[in-house]
Protein backbone atom coordinates (compact mmCIF):
# COMPACT_ATOMS: atom_id res chain seq x y z
CA UNK A 1 0.00 0.00 0.00
CA UNK A 2 1.15 3.52 -0.64
CA UNK A 3 -0.62 5.09 2.34
CA UNK A 4 -3.13 7.04 0.22
CA UNK A 5 -6.73 7.12 1.42
CA UNK A 6 -9.48 5.59 -0.65
CA UNK A 7 -12.12 8.12 -1.59
CA UNK A 8 -15.61 7.36 -0.35
CA UNK A 9 -18.48 8.70 -2.41
CA UNK A 10 -22.10 8.63 -1.27
CA UNK A 11 -24.08 7.48 -4.26
CA UNK A 12 -27.30 6.02 -2.89
CA UNK A 13 -30.12 8.41 -3.71
CA UNK A 14 -33.24 6.27 -3.38
CA UNK A 15 -35.18 4.83 -0.45
CA UNK A 16 -34.67 1.17 -1.45
CA UNK A 17 -31.27 0.90 0.22
CA UNK A 18 -31.36 -0.46 3.77
CA UNK A 19 -27.89 0.72 4.81
CA UNK A 20 -27.07 4.21 3.53
CA UNK A 21 -23.45 3.80 4.69
CA UNK A 22 -22.92 0.67 2.60
CA UNK A 23 -19.55 0.61 0.83
CA UNK A 24 -18.49 -0.86 -2.48
CA UNK A 25 -15.28 -0.65 -4.45
CA UNK A 26 -15.30 0.85 -7.95
CA UNK A 27 -12.37 0.32 -10.28
CA UNK A 28 -11.66 2.75 -13.11
CA UNK A 29 -10.09 1.69 -16.38
CA UNK A 30 -7.07 3.95 -17.13
CA UNK A 31 -8.24 4.24 -20.75
CA UNK A 32 -11.55 5.69 -19.58
CA UNK A 33 -9.94 8.03 -17.05
CA UNK A 34 -6.93 9.27 -19.05
CA UNK A 35 -7.93 8.55 -22.65
CA UNK A 36 -8.39 11.17 -25.30
CA UNK A 37 -8.80 11.16 -29.08
CA UNK A 38 -7.71 12.76 -32.29
CA UNK A 39 -9.18 12.65 -35.76
CA UNK A 40 -7.97 13.55 -39.23
CA UNK A 41 -9.20 13.66 -42.79
CA UNK A 42 -7.11 12.99 -45.87
CA UNK A 43 -7.98 13.28 -49.57
CA UNK A 44 -4.56 13.21 -51.22
CA UNK A 45 -1.62 10.83 -51.38
CA UNK A 46 0.31 11.61 -48.22
CA UNK A 47 1.77 10.33 -44.97
CA UNK A 48 0.32 12.07 -41.89
CA UNK A 49 1.33 11.83 -38.25
CA UNK A 50 -1.92 11.16 -36.39
CA UNK A 51 -0.56 11.29 -32.81
CA UNK A 52 2.88 11.24 -31.18
CA UNK A 53 3.90 10.16 -27.67
CA UNK A 54 5.76 12.44 -25.28
CA UNK A 55 9.57 12.19 -25.57
CA UNK A 56 10.71 8.64 -24.62
CA UNK A 57 7.08 7.63 -24.05
CA UNK A 58 4.59 5.50 -25.93
CA UNK A 59 0.94 5.32 -26.92
CA UNK A 60 -1.75 2.82 -25.97
CA UNK A 61 -4.58 2.69 -28.51
CA UNK A 62 -8.10 1.76 -27.48
CA UNK A 63 -10.29 2.52 -30.52
CA UNK A 64 -9.81 3.03 -34.23
CA UNK A 65 -12.56 4.22 -36.56
CA UNK A 66 -11.69 4.43 -40.26
CA UNK A 67 -13.91 5.33 -43.20
CA UNK A 68 -12.87 5.53 -46.85
CA UNK A 69 -14.55 6.15 -50.16
CA UNK A 70 -14.01 3.73 -53.03
CA UNK A 71 -10.90 4.68 -55.00
CA UNK A 72 -9.23 2.75 -57.83
CA UNK A 73 -5.80 1.74 -56.54
CA UNK A 74 -6.54 3.28 -53.16
CA UNK A 75 -5.16 2.01 -49.85
CA UNK A 76 -5.06 3.51 -46.38
CA UNK A 77 -2.51 2.20 -43.89
CA UNK A 78 -2.39 2.89 -40.15
CA UNK A 79 0.94 2.06 -38.51
CA UNK A 80 3.25 2.59 -35.57
CA UNK A 81 6.65 4.00 -36.57
CA UNK A 82 9.57 5.78 -34.97
CA UNK A 83 11.10 6.67 -38.34
CA UNK A 84 13.32 3.56 -38.30
CA UNK A 85 11.10 0.63 -37.32
CA UNK A 86 7.48 0.16 -38.39
CA UNK A 87 4.60 -2.09 -37.31
CA UNK A 88 1.37 -2.37 -39.27
CA UNK A 89 -1.82 -1.73 -37.31
CA UNK A 90 -4.39 -1.88 -40.14
CA UNK A 91 -4.46 -1.64 -43.92
CA UNK A 92 -7.67 -0.91 -45.84
CA UNK A 93 -7.97 -1.60 -49.56
CA UNK A 94 -10.45 0.85 -51.09
CA UNK A 95 -10.13 -0.39 -54.67
CA UNK A 96 -13.39 -2.36 -54.87
CA UNK A 97 -15.58 -0.80 -52.18
CA UNK A 98 -15.59 1.84 -49.46
CA UNK A 99 -14.20 0.77 -46.09
CA UNK A 100 -15.89 1.36 -42.75
CA UNK A 101 -14.12 -0.12 -39.76
CA UNK A 102 -14.63 0.42 -36.04
CA UNK A 103 -12.12 -1.45 -33.86
CA UNK A 104 -12.69 -1.50 -30.10
CA UNK A 105 -9.36 -2.84 -28.88
CA UNK A 106 -9.67 -4.89 -25.70
CA UNK A 107 -6.02 -5.93 -25.47
CA UNK A 108 -3.05 -3.70 -24.85
CA UNK A 109 -2.16 -2.24 -28.24
CA UNK A 110 0.85 -0.24 -27.09
CA UNK A 111 3.67 1.07 -29.23
CA UNK A 112 7.35 1.20 -28.36
CA UNK A 113 9.50 4.12 -27.24
CA UNK A 114 8.88 7.18 -29.43
CA UNK A 115 6.61 5.30 -31.88
CA UNK A 116 3.96 7.57 -33.37
CA UNK A 117 0.79 6.59 -35.24
CA UNK A 118 0.82 7.43 -38.95
CA UNK A 119 -1.79 7.29 -41.68
CA UNK A 120 -0.52 6.58 -45.19
CA UNK A 121 -2.95 7.49 -47.96
CA UNK A 122 -2.19 6.02 -51.39
CA UNK A 123 -4.18 6.84 -54.51
CA UNK A 124 -5.86 10.02 -53.25
CA UNK A 125 -8.37 8.03 -51.19
CA UNK A 126 -10.94 10.16 -49.33
CA UNK A 127 -10.72 8.93 -45.75
CA UNK A 128 -11.25 9.90 -42.15
CA UNK A 129 -9.67 8.38 -39.07
CA UNK A 130 -10.42 8.67 -35.36
CA UNK A 131 -8.02 7.18 -32.80
CA UNK A 132 -8.54 7.08 -29.03
CA UNK A 133 -5.36 6.72 -26.99
CA UNK A 134 -3.45 7.31 -23.77
CA UNK A 135 0.06 8.75 -23.67
CA UNK A 136 2.33 6.66 -21.41
CA UNK A 137 5.45 8.31 -19.94
CA UNK A 138 7.80 5.35 -20.49
CA UNK A 139 8.23 2.49 -22.94
CA UNK A 140 10.37 -0.36 -24.18
CA UNK A 141 12.78 0.27 -27.06
CA UNK A 142 11.71 -1.41 -30.31
CA UNK A 143 13.80 -4.57 -29.97
CA UNK A 144 12.43 -5.39 -26.49
CA UNK A 145 8.91 -4.46 -27.59
CA UNK A 146 9.20 -6.70 -30.66
CA UNK A 147 10.36 -9.65 -28.54
CA UNK A 148 7.32 -9.31 -26.27
CA UNK A 149 4.67 -9.38 -28.97
């Protein structure tokens, strides 16, 4: 224990509770407490940094929502990269049909030290991307991270 007190919140507001001083423990998911989001749109062939960690930190992703229009030869790639090493997160092929993907990530999709999230648009594909994430102050370097996955 770290000696910090546990906060007690009175939350019973109706008359059906027999003991108004009843206690229960509530646990908060760090993604729900500290998470935030960013979104971008892209309509031209380009590589865009979606979100970057703090220096020497990393990112944990919790949701990805991607929409594209149909585009001959079009692909949209979402990846972790630090400029040297790269790991694919998702690649959408928009050649035959539009893509609509909503990924609610229940595992720990965490990048390595200094790895940012990039969107790569090929073929001038109209697309939009929303990513929810938490910035973590420390991280494994790529080689250690790669060995753990």
